[in-house]
Amino acid sequence: MTAEQTIGENLPLTGRAASRAQGIRRFKWTVLTPFFALLIFILMPALIAQVFFSLNHFSIFDAGDDDGWRSYLNASEWIGLELFIEVFNDERFLNACIRSLLFASGSTLGCFIVGFGLALLMYRPFRGQALYYIFFILPMLTVPIVIAYTGEMILYQNGPLNDILSRITGMRIDAQFLYKKEIALTTIAFLEVWNWTPFSFIIMMAGLAALPQEPQEAAKILGASKWRIFWEIQLPLLRPVILLCLILRFLESMAEFPKTWGLLQGGPGSATETIPVYIFITTWQYFDISYGAALSYVVLILMVAIVWAGIYFLQREKKNLDEMYFARPDSE
């Protein structure tokens, strides 16, 4: 083959590659432009206002309606970082953080265990599989506030759950799932598990479907059992997917508000007063907007730290996985 023929054959490929790269750039900007517009015109003004309120003592009762935004300035007094110092000395906020961490950890673990178990049962094709998919995914499509009201009817002291348990055991059961402070947060965690198990199920299904078949087939030929294949091949390959699933689920659980507020509004007492509930009560019931803004920024910093830690562990898992299974000996 001559040099002219080689160049002639490469020209169309170069043109297609350039067109493909241009299409990718156009697609990226098409996707990112609405996000940047939302960030600049909606989120940034809100964040700037939040900074203003967190650094100034502001009372909505002192703000008038005549001067517009000037009334907010007149009702504000510069106090610097005093509110942030107060946040770290707020015992009620620290207790809310502990409840949120316990709730998020428990519900995340529950969602993962049930979702992963269902994924292991479902990832191999079988007859009627699509029907089970629909059945398992339905809870995630249910509006959280609907789950809260439905849960209240089911878990009521004289509700259907206690009646079913009474009929099964032959004894009268009047468990106070919602109004006993020792178990109220656990009850909401179970509702959270029911609501968001499909999320873990979908992610783990995708991870299992993407596993390479060659190592598993080689292990079968060598006589490895299903348990050993799962423990020594599938599970190590799934570690980045598992970590991603846990991080995303944990972050969402930390921000859970509709079910907690719809069911108990932080009660009984303060048994279910998590971080979102405490911020809502502080800002919209006590009308302490400045302190609510400071609380929000402290929580934002906490969430950013968790995300950074998650990214670090994900990158480390990916690196370890590449070294374990995809490393190639150096060519001599």
C-alpha atoms as a PDB file:
ATOM      1  CA  MET A   1       0.000   0.000   0.000  1.00  0.00           C
ATOM      2  CA  THR A   2       1.377   3.385  -1.014  1.00  0.00           C
ATOM      3  CA  ALA A   3       1.751   6.404   1.225  1.00  0.00           C
ATOM      4  CA  GLU A   4      -0.886   8.279  -0.816  1.00  0.00           C
ATOM      5  CA  GLN A   5      -3.435   5.491  -0.242  1.00  0.00           C
ATOM      6  CA  THR A   6      -2.686   5.425   3.490  1.00  0.00           C
ATOM      7  CA  ILE A   7      -3.156   9.186   3.805  1.00  0.00           C
ATOM      8  CA  GLY A   8      -6.314   9.015   1.716  1.00  0.00           C
ATOM      9  CA  GLU A   9      -7.774   6.332   3.982  1.00  0.00           C
ATOM     10  CA  ASN A  10      -6.912   8.271   7.140  1.00  0.00           C
ATOM     11  CA  LEU A  11      -8.512  11.539   6.052  1.00  0.00           C
ATOM     12  CA  PRO A  12     -12.139  10.402   6.450  1.00  0.00           C
ATOM     13  CA  LEU A  13     -11.323   8.952   9.881  1.00  0.00           C
ATOM     14  CA  THR A  14      -9.789  12.248  10.938  1.00  0.00           C
ATOM     15  CA  GLY A  15     -12.864  14.092   9.743  1.00  0.00           C
ATOM     16  CA  ARG A  16     -15.185  11.763  11.654  1.00  0.00           C
ATOM     17  CA  ALA A  17     -13.041  12.101  14.777  1.00  0.00           C
ATOM     18  CA  ALA A  18     -13.155  15.900  14.561  1.00  0.00           C
ATOM     19  CA  SER A  19     -16.914  15.840  14.006  1.00  0.00           C
ATOM     20  CA  ARG A  20     -17.363  13.484  16.945  1.00  0.00           C
ATOM     21  CA  ALA A  21     -15.243  15.699  19.221  1.00  0.00           C
ATOM     22  CA  GLN A  22     -17.264  18.738  18.163  1.00  0.00           C
ATOM     23  CA  GLY A  23     -20.492  16.866  18.872  1.00  0.00           C
ATOM     24  CA  ILE A  24     -19.259  15.901  22.322  1.00  0.00           C
ATOM     25  CA  ARG A  25     -18.346  19.514  23.125  1.00  0.00           C
ATOM     26  CA  ARG A  26     -21.735  20.701  21.898  1.00  0.00           C
ATOM     27  CA  PHE A  27     -23.500  18.072  23.990  1.00  0.00           C
ATOM     28  CA  LYS A  28     -21.500  19.034  27.109  1.00  0.00           C
ATOM     29  CA  TRP A  29     -22.390  22.695  26.758  1.00  0.00           C
ATOM     30  CA  THR A  30     -26.036  21.818  26.067  1.00  0.00           C
ATOM     31  CA  VAL A  31     -26.161  19.858  29.314  1.00  0.00           C
ATOM     32  CA  LEU A  32     -24.076  22.258  31.432  1.00  0.00           C
ATOM     33  CA  THR A  33     -25.595  25.573  30.294  1.00  0.00           C
ATOM     34  CA  PRO A  34     -28.896  25.139  32.208  1.00  0.00           C
ATOM     35  CA  PHE A  35     -26.923  24.077  35.283  1.00  0.00           C
ATOM     36  CA  PHE A  36     -24.696  27.166  35.157  1.00  0.00           C
ATOM     37  CA  ALA A  37     -27.738  29.372  34.554  1.00  0.00           C
ATOM     38  CA  LEU A  38     -29.449  27.860  37.606  1.00  0.00           C
ATOM     39  CA  LEU A  39     -26.285  28.302  39.662  1.00  0.00           C
ATOM     40  CA  ILE A  40     -25.684  31.935  38.658  1.00  0.00           C
ATOM     41  CA  PHE A  41     -29.230  33.324  38.650  1.00  0.00           C
ATOM     42  CA  ILE A  42     -30.924  31.333  41.423  1.00  0.00           C
ATOM     43  CA  LEU A  43     -28.489  29.525  43.719  1.00  0.00           C
ATOM     44  CA  MET A  44     -25.796  32.189  43.940  1.00  0.00           C
ATOM     45  CA  PRO A  45     -28.173  35.005  45.014  1.00  0.00           C
ATOM     46  CA  ALA A  46     -29.596  32.671  47.674  1.00  0.00           C
ATOM     47  CA  LEU A  47     -26.104  31.776  48.920  1.00  0.00           C
ATOM     48  CA  ILE A  48     -25.086  35.441  49.027  1.00  0.00           C
ATOM     49  CA  ALA A  49     -28.227  36.303  50.999  1.00  0.00           C
ATOM     50  CA  GLN A  50     -27.465  33.420  53.327  1.00  0.00           C
ATOM     51  CA  VAL A  51     -23.959  34.776  53.937  1.00  0.00           C
ATOM     52  CA  PHE A  52     -25.451  38.188  54.730  1.00  0.00           C
ATOM     53  CA  PHE A  53     -27.939  36.770  57.225  1.00  0.00           C
ATOM     54  CA  SER A  54     -25.370  34.523  58.921  1.00  0.00           C
ATOM     55  CA  LEU A  55     -22.988  37.453  59.564  1.00  0.00           C
ATOM     56  CA  ASN A  56     -25.698  39.859  60.736  1.00  0.00           C
ATOM     57  CA  HIS A  57     -28.264  39.665  63.478  1.00  0.00           C
ATOM     58  CA  PHE A  58     -31.524  40.042  61.580  1.00  0.00           C
ATOM     59  CA  SER A  59     -35.064  40.206  62.928  1.00  0.00           C
ATOM     60  CA  ILE A  60     -37.926  39.904  60.491  1.00  0.00           C
ATOM     61  CA  PHE A  61     -40.162  41.795  62.906  1.00  0.00           C
ATOM     62  CA  ASP A  62     -37.974  44.913  62.580  1.00  0.00           C
ATOM     63  CA  ALA A  63     -38.071  44.904  58.776  1.00  0.00           C
ATOM     64  CA  GLY A  64     -40.678  47.112  57.159  1.00  0.00           C
ATOM     65  CA  ASP A  65     -42.306  46.842  53.758  1.00  0.00           C
ATOM     66  CA  ASP A  66     -41.808  50.432  52.621  1.00  0.00           C
ATOM     67  CA  ASP A  67     -38.119  50.558  51.726  1.00  0.00           C
ATOM     68  CA  GLY A  68     -37.749  47.188  50.007  1.00  0.00           C
ATOM     69  CA  TRP A  69     -34.314  45.682  50.482  1.00  0.00           C
ATOM     70  CA  ARG A  70     -33.213  48.707  52.511  1.00  0.00           C
ATOM     71  CA  SER A  71     -35.549  47.583  55.287  1.00  0.00           C
ATOM     72  CA  TYR A  72     -33.522  44.379  55.627  1.00  0.00           C
ATOM     73  CA  LEU A  73     -30.333  46.408  55.999  1.00  0.00           C
ATOM     74  CA  ASN A  74     -31.920  48.637  58.599  1.00  0.00           C
ATOM     75  CA  ALA A  75     -33.117  45.589  60.561  1.00  0.00           C
ATOM     76  CA  SER A  76     -29.646  44.003  60.539  1.00  0.00           C
ATOM     77  CA  GLU A  77     -26.748  44.398  62.935  1.00  0.00           C
ATOM     78  CA  TRP A  78     -23.246  43.206  62.070  1.00  0.00           C
ATOM     79  CA  ILE A  79     -22.065  40.494  64.479  1.00  0.00           C
ATOM     80  CA  GLY A  80     -19.400  38.670  62.439  1.00  0.00           C
ATOM     81  CA  LEU A  81     -18.826  35.031  63.354  1.00  0.00           C
ATOM     82  CA  GLU A  82     -20.700  35.079  66.647  1.00  0.00           C
ATOM     83  CA  LEU A  83     -23.516  32.894  65.322  1.00  0.00           C
ATOM     84  CA  PHE A  84     -21.089  30.261  64.039  1.00  0.00           C
ATOM     85  CA  ILE A  85     -19.435  30.094  67.459  1.00  0.00           C
ATOM     86  CA  GLU A  86     -22.893  29.756  68.996  1.00  0.00           C
ATOM     87  CA  VAL A  87     -23.698  26.860  66.632  1.00  0.00           C
ATOM     88  CA  PHE A  88     -20.733  24.815  67.859  1.00  0.00           C
ATOM     89  CA  ASN A  89     -21.801  25.441  71.461  1.00  0.00           C
ATOM     90  CA  ASP A  90     -25.444  24.563  70.768  1.00  0.00           C
ATOM     91  CA  GLU A  91     -26.188  21.300  72.567  1.00  0.00           C
ATOM     92  CA  ARG A  92     -29.507  20.930  70.761  1.00  0.00           C
ATOM     93  CA  PHE A  93     -27.755  21.137  67.389  1.00  0.00           C
ATOM     94  CA  LEU A  94     -25.120  18.588  68.450  1.00  0.00           C
ATOM     95  CA  ASN A  95     -27.871  16.202  69.548  1.00  0.00           C
ATOM     96  CA  ALA A  96     -29.587  16.723  66.188  1.00  0.00           C
ATOM     97  CA  CYS A  97     -26.304  15.851  64.444  1.00  0.00           C
ATOM     98  CA  ILE A  98     -26.021  12.632  66.457  1.00  0.00           C
ATOM     99  CA  ARG A  99     -29.602  11.662  65.593  1.00  0.00           C
ATOM    100  CA  SER A 100     -29.015  12.413  61.911  1.00  0.00           C
ATOM    101  CA  LEU A 101     -25.821  10.347  61.846  1.00  0.00           C
ATOM    102  CA  LEU A 102     -27.507   7.411  63.596  1.00  0.00           C
ATOM    103  CA  PHE A 103     -30.555   7.643  61.337  1.00  0.00           C
ATOM    104  CA  ALA A 104     -28.477   7.961  58.157  1.00  0.00           C
ATOM    105  CA  SER A 105     -26.115   5.130  59.119  1.00  0.00           C
ATOM    106  CA  GLY A 106     -28.895   2.720  60.059  1.00  0.00           C
ATOM    107  CA  SER A 107     -31.149   3.444  57.090  1.00  0.00           C
ATOM    108  CA  THR A 108     -28.211   3.391  54.653  1.00  0.00           C
ATOM    109  CA  LEU A 109     -27.059   0.013  55.911  1.00  0.00           C
ATOM    110  CA  GLY A 110     -30.610  -1.352  55.806  1.00  0.00           C
ATOM    111  CA  CYS A 111     -31.213  -0.092  52.269  1.00  0.00           C
ATOM    112  CA  PHE A 112     -27.935  -1.555  51.085  1.00  0.00           C
ATOM    113  CA  ILE A 113     -28.393  -4.992  52.644  1.00  0.00           C
ATOM    114  CA  VAL A 114     -31.935  -5.447  51.319  1.00  0.00           C
ATOM    115  CA  GLY A 115     -31.164  -3.861  47.939  1.00  0.00           C
ATOM    116  CA  PHE A 116     -27.999  -5.893  47.423  1.00  0.00           C
ATOM    117  CA  GLY A 117     -29.793  -9.086  48.422  1.00  0.00           C
ATOM    118  CA  LEU A 118     -32.581  -8.432  45.917  1.00  0.00           C
ATOM    119  CA  ALA A 119     -30.025  -7.592  43.223  1.00  0.00           C
ATOM    120  CA  LEU A 120     -28.220 -10.904  43.785  1.00  0.00           C
ATOM    121  CA  LEU A 121     -31.520 -12.717  43.328  1.00  0.00           C
ATOM    122  CA  MET A 122     -32.549 -10.716  40.266  1.00  0.00           C
ATOM    123  CA  TYR A 123     -29.495  -9.985  38.140  1.00  0.00           C
ATOM    124  CA  ARG A 124     -29.634 -13.252  36.216  1.00  0.00           C
ATOM    125  CA  PRO A 125     -32.437 -13.275  33.588  1.00  0.00           C
ATOM    126  CA  PHE A 126     -35.514 -15.400  34.315  1.00  0.00           C
ATOM    127  CA  ARG A 127     -39.120 -15.523  33.219  1.00  0.00           C
ATOM    128  CA  GLY A 128     -41.264 -12.684  34.578  1.00  0.00           C
ATOM    129  CA  GLN A 129     -38.241 -10.642  35.653  1.00  0.00           C
ATOM    130  CA  ALA A 130     -39.703  -7.340  34.393  1.00  0.00           C
ATOM    131  CA  LEU A 131     -42.724  -7.715  36.681  1.00  0.00           C
ATOM    132  CA  TYR A 132     -40.465  -8.024  39.705  1.00  0.00           C
ATOM    133  CA  TYR A 133     -38.504  -4.965  38.559  1.00  0.00           C
ATOM    134  CA  ILE A 134     -41.678  -2.879  38.577  1.00  0.00           C
ATOM    135  CA  PHE A 135     -42.725  -4.256  41.944  1.00  0.00           C
ATOM    136  CA  PHE A 136     -39.372  -3.519  43.589  1.00  0.00           C
ATOM    137  CA  ILE A 137     -39.016  -0.017  42.139  1.00  0.00           C
ATOM    138  CA  LEU A 138     -42.517   1.237  43.066  1.00  0.00           C
ATOM    139  CA  PRO A 139     -41.587   2.387  46.627  1.00  0.00           C
ATOM    140  CA  MET A 140     -38.997   4.828  45.272  1.00  0.00           C
ATOM    141  CA  LEU A 141     -41.640   6.395  43.006  1.00  0.00           C
ATOM    142  CA  THR A 142     -43.966   7.099  45.936  1.00  0.00           C
ATOM    143  CA  VAL A 143     -44.089  10.692  47.210  1.00  0.00           C
ATOM    144  CA  PRO A 144     -42.421  10.825  50.672  1.00  0.00           C
ATOM    145  CA  ILE A 145     -45.251  12.766  52.308  1.00  0.00           C
ATOM    146  CA  VAL A 146     -47.696  10.106  51.097  1.00  0.00           C
ATOM    147  CA  ILE A 147     -45.485   7.476  52.738  1.00  0.00           C
ATOM    148  CA  ALA A 148     -45.590   9.501  55.963  1.00  0.00           C
ATOM    149  CA  TYR A 149     -49.396   9.719  56.061  1.00  0.00           C
ATOM    150  CA  THR A 150     -49.804   6.078  55.030  1.00  0.00           C
ATOM    151  CA  GLY A 151     -47.278   5.023  57.645  1.00  0.00           C
ATOM    152  CA  GLU A 152     -49.161   6.992  60.290  1.00  0.00           C
ATOM    153  CA  MET A 153     -52.389   5.133  59.477  1.00  0.00           C
ATOM    154  CA  ILE A 154     -50.676   1.730  59.466  1.00  0.00           C
ATOM    155  CA  LEU A 155     -48.553   2.288  62.579  1.00  0.00           C
ATOM    156  CA  TYR A 156     -51.264   3.917  64.691  1.00  0.00           C
ATOM    157  CA  GLN A 157     -51.651   2.247  68.092  1.00  0.00           C
ATOM    158  CA  ASN A 158     -55.030   0.767  67.100  1.00  0.00           C
ATOM    159  CA  GLY A 159     -54.022   0.500  63.456  1.00  0.00           C
ATOM    160  CA  PRO A 160     -53.776  -2.498  61.129  1.00  0.00           C
ATOM    161  CA  LEU A 161     -50.176  -3.488  61.970  1.00  0.00           C
ATOM    162  CA  ASN A 162     -50.879  -4.005  65.660  1.00  0.00           C
ATOM    163  CA  ASP A 163     -54.078  -5.829  64.748  1.00  0.00           C
ATOM    164  CA  ILE A 164     -52.213  -8.205  62.396  1.00  0.00           C
ATOM    165  CA  LEU A 165     -49.515  -8.863  64.996  1.00  0.00           C
ATOM    166  CA  SER A 166     -52.192  -9.499  67.634  1.00  0.00           C
ATOM    167  CA  ARG A 167     -53.947 -12.043  65.412  1.00  0.00           C
ATOM    168  CA  ILE A 168     -50.684 -13.828  64.584  1.00  0.00           C
ATOM    169  CA  THR A 169     -49.421 -14.050  68.170  1.00  0.00           C
ATOM    170  CA  GLY A 170     -52.788 -14.554  69.842  1.00  0.00           C
ATOM    171  CA  MET A 171     -51.979 -11.717  72.264  1.00  0.00           C
ATOM    172  CA  ARG A 172     -53.103  -8.122  72.284  1.00  0.00           C
ATOM    173  CA  ILE A 173     -50.306  -5.886  70.991  1.00  0.00           C
ATOM    174  CA  ASP A 174     -50.548  -2.107  71.374  1.00  0.00           C
ATOM    175  CA  ALA A 175     -47.051  -1.094  70.322  1.00  0.00           C
ATOM    176  CA  GLN A 176     -46.588   2.669  70.115  1.00  0.00           C
ATOM    177  CA  PHE A 177     -44.360   2.786  67.050  1.00  0.00           C
ATOM    178  CA  LEU A 178     -44.679   6.549  66.629  1.00  0.00           C
ATOM    179  CA  TYR A 179     -45.310   7.931  70.081  1.00  0.00           C
ATOM    180  CA  LYS A 180     -42.665   6.149  72.132  1.00  0.00           C
ATOM    181  CA  LYS A 181     -39.499   8.196  71.915  1.00  0.00           C
ATOM    182  CA  GLU A 182     -37.179   5.188  72.302  1.00  0.00           C
ATOM    183  CA  ILE A 183     -38.313   3.668  68.976  1.00  0.00           C
ATOM    184  CA  ALA A 184     -39.732   6.639  67.029  1.00  0.00           C
ATOM    185  CA  LEU A 185     -36.521   7.325  65.092  1.00  0.00           C
ATOM    186  CA  THR A 186     -36.105   3.602  64.355  1.00  0.00           C
ATOM    187  CA  THR A 187     -39.654   3.504  62.974  1.00  0.00           C
ATOM    188  CA  ILE A 188     -38.916   6.336  60.557  1.00  0.00           C
ATOM    189  CA  ALA A 189     -35.667   4.576  59.592  1.00  0.00           C
ATOM    190  CA  PHE A 190     -37.677   1.491  58.594  1.00  0.00           C
ATOM    191  CA  LEU A 191     -39.936   3.673  56.441  1.00  0.00           C
ATOM    192  CA  GLU A 192     -36.809   5.165  54.885  1.00  0.00           C
ATOM    193  CA  VAL A 193     -35.482   1.680  54.142  1.00  0.00           C
ATOM    194  CA  TRP A 194     -38.755   0.718  52.453  1.00  0.00           C
ATOM    195  CA  ASN A 195     -38.773   3.949  50.446  1.00  0.00           C
ATOM    196  CA  TRP A 196     -35.152   3.884  49.233  1.00  0.00           C
ATOM    197  CA  THR A 197     -34.193   0.217  48.982  1.00  0.00           C
ATOM    198  CA  PRO A 198     -34.976   0.404  45.216  1.00  0.00           C
ATOM    199  CA  PHE A 199     -32.168   2.960  44.859  1.00  0.00           C
ATOM    200  CA  SER A 200     -29.588   0.509  46.192  1.00  0.00           C
ATOM    201  CA  PHE A 201     -31.240  -2.269  44.208  1.00  0.00           C
ATOM    202  CA  ILE A 202     -30.852  -0.399  40.892  1.00  0.00           C
ATOM    203  CA  ILE A 203     -27.214   0.572  41.515  1.00  0.00           C
ATOM    204  CA  MET A 204     -26.193  -2.934  42.575  1.00  0.00           C
ATOM    205  CA  MET A 205     -28.074  -4.468  39.645  1.00  0.00           C
ATOM    206  CA  ALA A 206     -26.078  -2.239  37.304  1.00  0.00           C
ATOM    207  CA  GLY A 207     -22.838  -3.183  39.060  1.00  0.00           C
ATOM    208  CA  LEU A 208     -23.536  -6.903  38.871  1.00  0.00           C
ATOM    209  CA  ALA A 209     -24.548  -6.677  35.210  1.00  0.00           C
ATOM    210  CA  ALA A 210     -21.268  -4.895  34.375  1.00  0.00           C
ATOM    211  CA  LEU A 211     -18.987  -7.480  35.997  1.00  0.00           C
ATOM    212  CA  PRO A 212     -16.591  -9.200  33.569  1.00  0.00           C
ATOM    213  CA  GLN A 213     -17.514 -12.829  32.963  1.00  0.00           C
ATOM    214  CA  GLU A 214     -14.023 -14.181  32.221  1.00  0.00           C
ATOM    215  CA  PRO A 215     -12.766 -14.385  35.848  1.00  0.00           C
ATOM    216  CA  GLN A 216     -16.036 -16.013  36.972  1.00  0.00           C
ATOM    217  CA  GLU A 217     -15.977 -18.583  34.163  1.00  0.00           C
ATOM    218  CA  ALA A 218     -12.339 -19.393  34.904  1.00  0.00           C
ATOM    219  CA  ALA A 219     -13.179 -19.918  38.578  1.00  0.00           C
ATOM    220  CA  LYS A 220     -16.058 -22.237  37.650  1.00  0.00           C
ATOM    221  CA  ILE A 221     -13.750 -24.315  35.465  1.00  0.00           C
ATOM    222  CA  LEU A 222     -11.326 -24.614  38.383  1.00  0.00           C
ATOM    223  CA  GLY A 223     -14.168 -25.914  40.557  1.00  0.00           C
ATOM    224  CA  ALA A 224     -14.828 -22.872  42.756  1.00  0.00           C
ATOM    225  CA  SER A 225     -18.167 -22.777  44.566  1.00  0.00           C
ATOM    226  CA  LYS A 226     -20.725 -19.996  44.042  1.00  0.00           C
ATOM    227  CA  TRP A 227     -19.942 -18.580  47.477  1.00  0.00           C
ATOM    228  CA  ARG A 228     -16.206 -18.467  46.771  1.00  0.00           C
ATOM    229  CA  ILE A 229     -16.794 -16.836  43.375  1.00  0.00           C
ATOM    230  CA  PHE A 230     -18.960 -14.214  45.056  1.00  0.00           C
ATOM    231  CA  TRP A 231     -16.544 -13.574  47.950  1.00  0.00           C
ATOM    232  CA  GLU A 232     -13.246 -13.569  46.030  1.00  0.00           C
ATOM    233  CA  ILE A 233     -14.242 -12.269  42.581  1.00  0.00           C
ATOM    234  CA  GLN A 234     -17.584 -10.507  42.490  1.00  0.00           C
ATOM    235  CA  LEU A 235     -17.391  -8.662  45.800  1.00  0.00           C
ATOM    236  CA  PRO A 236     -13.884  -7.178  45.265  1.00  0.00           C
ATOM    237  CA  LEU A 237     -14.903  -6.021  41.779  1.00  0.00           C
ATOM    238  CA  LEU A 238     -18.057  -4.455  43.225  1.00  0.00           C
ATOM    239  CA  ARG A 239     -16.294  -2.456  45.961  1.00  0.00           C
ATOM    240  CA  PRO A 240     -16.313   0.889  44.053  1.00  0.00           C
ATOM    241  CA  VAL A 241     -20.009   0.428  43.212  1.00  0.00           C
ATOM    242  CA  ILE A 242     -20.808  -0.501  46.816  1.00  0.00           C
ATOM    243  CA  LEU A 243     -18.952   2.534  48.126  1.00  0.00           C
ATOM    244  CA  LEU A 244     -20.729   4.838  45.660  1.00  0.00           C
ATOM    245  CA  CYS A 245     -24.098   3.390  46.659  1.00  0.00           C
ATOM    246  CA  LEU A 246     -23.397   3.863  50.368  1.00  0.00           C
ATOM    247  CA  ILE A 247     -22.149   7.439  49.955  1.00  0.00           C
ATOM    248  CA  LEU A 248     -25.097   8.601  47.840  1.00  0.00           C
ATOM    249  CA  ARG A 249     -27.609   6.900  50.132  1.00  0.00           C
ATOM    250  CA  PHE A 250     -25.953   8.326  53.264  1.00  0.00           C
ATOM    251  CA  LEU A 251     -26.015  11.882  51.906  1.00  0.00           C
ATOM    252  CA  GLU A 252     -29.697  11.604  50.999  1.00  0.00           C
ATOM    253  CA  SER A 253     -30.528  10.142  54.417  1.00  0.00           C
ATOM    254  CA  MET A 254     -28.812  13.047  56.166  1.00  0.00           C
ATOM    255  CA  ALA A 255     -31.133  15.412  54.298  1.00  0.00           C
ATOM    256  CA  GLU A 256     -34.344  13.413  54.942  1.00  0.00           C
ATOM    257  CA  PHE A 257     -37.147  15.749  55.994  1.00  0.00           C
ATOM    258  CA  PRO A 258     -40.652  15.002  54.562  1.00  0.00           C
ATOM    259  CA  LYS A 259     -41.303  11.716  56.373  1.00  0.00           C
ATOM    260  CA  THR A 260     -39.848  12.896  59.680  1.00  0.00           C
ATOM    261  CA  TRP A 261     -41.789  16.149  59.634  1.00  0.00           C
ATOM    262  CA  GLY A 262     -44.975  14.671  58.200  1.00  0.00           C
ATOM    263  CA  LEU A 263     -45.116  11.959  60.863  1.00  0.00           C
ATOM    264  CA  LEU A 264     -43.884  13.527  64.073  1.00  0.00           C
ATOM    265  CA  GLN A 265     -42.503  17.050  63.408  1.00  0.00           C
ATOM    266  CA  GLY A 266     -39.436  16.216  65.472  1.00  0.00           C
ATOM    267  CA  GLY A 267     -41.383  14.560  68.296  1.00  0.00           C
ATOM    268  CA  PRO A 268     -42.198  12.956  70.585  1.00  0.00           C
ATOM    269  CA  GLY A 269     -40.257  15.577  72.494  1.00  0.00           C
ATOM    270  CA  SER A 270     -37.090  15.891  70.431  1.00  0.00           C
ATOM    271  CA  ALA A 271     -36.651  12.166  69.680  1.00  0.00           C
ATOM    272  CA  THR A 272     -36.775  12.639  65.895  1.00  0.00           C
ATOM    273  CA  GLU A 273     -35.364  16.165  65.705  1.00  0.00           C
ATOM    274  CA  THR A 274     -32.709  15.641  63.041  1.00  0.00           C
ATOM    275  CA  ILE A 275     -30.618  18.373  61.414  1.00  0.00           C
ATOM    276  CA  PRO A 276     -33.156  19.347  58.693  1.00  0.00           C
ATOM    277  CA  VAL A 277     -35.996  19.407  61.245  1.00  0.00           C
ATOM    278  CA  TYR A 278     -34.003  21.577  63.659  1.00  0.00           C
ATOM    279  CA  ILE A 279     -33.046  24.037  60.924  1.00  0.00           C
ATOM    280  CA  PHE A 280     -36.675  24.251  59.760  1.00  0.00           C
ATOM    281  CA  ILE A 281     -37.949  24.847  63.296  1.00  0.00           C
ATOM    282  CA  THR A 282     -35.291  27.475  63.984  1.00  0.00           C
ATOM    283  CA  THR A 283     -35.877  29.373  60.745  1.00  0.00           C
ATOM    284  CA  TRP A 284     -39.612  29.094  60.095  1.00  0.00           C
ATOM    285  CA  GLN A 285     -41.134  28.585  63.531  1.00  0.00           C
ATOM    286  CA  TYR A 286     -38.816  30.664  65.700  1.00  0.00           C
ATOM    287  CA  PHE A 287     -38.151  33.063  62.779  1.00  0.00           C
ATOM    288  CA  ASP A 288     -34.478  33.186  63.759  1.00  0.00           C
ATOM    289  CA  ILE A 289     -33.333  33.565  60.155  1.00  0.00           C
ATOM    290  CA  SER A 290     -29.763  34.564  60.967  1.00  0.00           C
ATOM    291  CA  TYR A 291     -29.144  31.564  63.194  1.00  0.00           C
ATOM    292  CA  GLY A 292     -30.819  29.287  60.653  1.00  0.00           C
ATOM    293  CA  ALA A 293     -28.469  30.600  57.964  1.00  0.00           C
ATOM    294  CA  ALA A 294     -25.446  29.915  60.164  1.00  0.00           C
ATOM    295  CA  LEU A 295     -26.717  26.410  60.881  1.00  0.00           C
ATOM    296  CA  SER A 296     -27.162  25.799  57.163  1.00  0.00           C
ATOM    297  CA  TYR A 297     -23.598  26.825  56.365  1.00  0.00           C
ATOM    298  CA  VAL A 298     -22.164  24.608  59.103  1.00  0.00           C
ATOM    299  CA  VAL A 299     -24.148  21.672  57.710  1.00  0.00           C
ATOM    300  CA  LEU A 300     -23.009  22.576  54.195  1.00  0.00           C
ATOM    301  CA  ILE A 301     -19.366  22.393  55.301  1.00  0.00           C
ATOM    302  CA  LEU A 302     -20.061  19.039  56.961  1.00  0.00           C
ATOM    303  CA  MET A 303     -21.640  17.655  53.777  1.00  0.00           C
ATOM    304  CA  VAL A 304     -18.768  18.938  51.622  1.00  0.00           C
ATOM    305  CA  ALA A 305     -16.296  17.175  53.933  1.00  0.00           C
ATOM    306  CA  ILE A 306     -18.266  13.928  53.598  1.00  0.00           C
ATOM    307  CA  VAL A 307     -18.352  14.269  49.801  1.00  0.00           C
ATOM    308  CA  TRP A 308     -14.589  14.912  49.633  1.00  0.00           C
ATOM    309  CA  ALA A 309     -13.934  11.884  51.829  1.00  0.00           C
ATOM    310  CA  GLY A 310     -16.209   9.824  49.605  1.00  0.00           C
ATOM    311  CA  ILE A 311     -14.404  10.934  46.450  1.00  0.00           C
ATOM    312  CA  TYR A 312     -11.054  10.094  48.041  1.00  0.00           C
ATOM    313  CA  PHE A 313     -12.172   6.566  48.994  1.00  0.00           C
ATOM    314  CA  LEU A 314     -13.726   6.031  45.561  1.00  0.00           C
ATOM    315  CA  GLN A 315     -10.501   7.006  43.829  1.00  0.00           C
ATOM    316  CA  ARG A 316      -8.500   4.757  46.151  1.00  0.00           C
ATOM    317  CA  GLU A 317     -10.815   1.805  45.506  1.00  0.00           C
ATOM    318  CA  LYS A 318     -10.596   2.336  41.754  1.00  0.00           C
ATOM    319  CA  LYS A 319      -6.803   2.489  41.944  1.00  0.00           C
ATOM    320  CA  ASN A 320      -6.656  -0.697  44.013  1.00  0.00           C
ATOM    321  CA  LEU A 321      -9.015  -2.422  41.606  1.00  0.00           C
ATOM    322  CA  ASP A 322      -6.892  -1.452  38.619  1.00  0.00           C
ATOM    323  CA  GLU A 323      -3.773  -2.733  40.333  1.00  0.00           C
ATOM    324  CA  MET A 324      -5.419  -6.020  41.305  1.00  0.00           C
ATOM    325  CA  TYR A 325      -7.176  -6.987  38.103  1.00  0.00           C
ATOM    326  CA  PHE A 326      -6.056  -4.823  35.233  1.00  0.00           C
ATOM    327  CA  ALA A 327      -2.327  -4.376  35.792  1.00  0.00           C
ATOM    328  CA  ARG A 328      -0.136  -5.660  32.976  1.00  0.00           C
ATOM    329  CA  PRO A 329       3.515  -6.701  33.269  1.00  0.00           C
ATOM    330  CA  ASP A 330       5.939  -4.231  31.820  1.00  0.00           C
ATOM    331  CA  SER A 331       7.100  -5.099  28.357  1.00  0.00           C
ATOM    332  CA  GLU A 332      10.740  -5.956  28.066  1.00  0.00           C
END
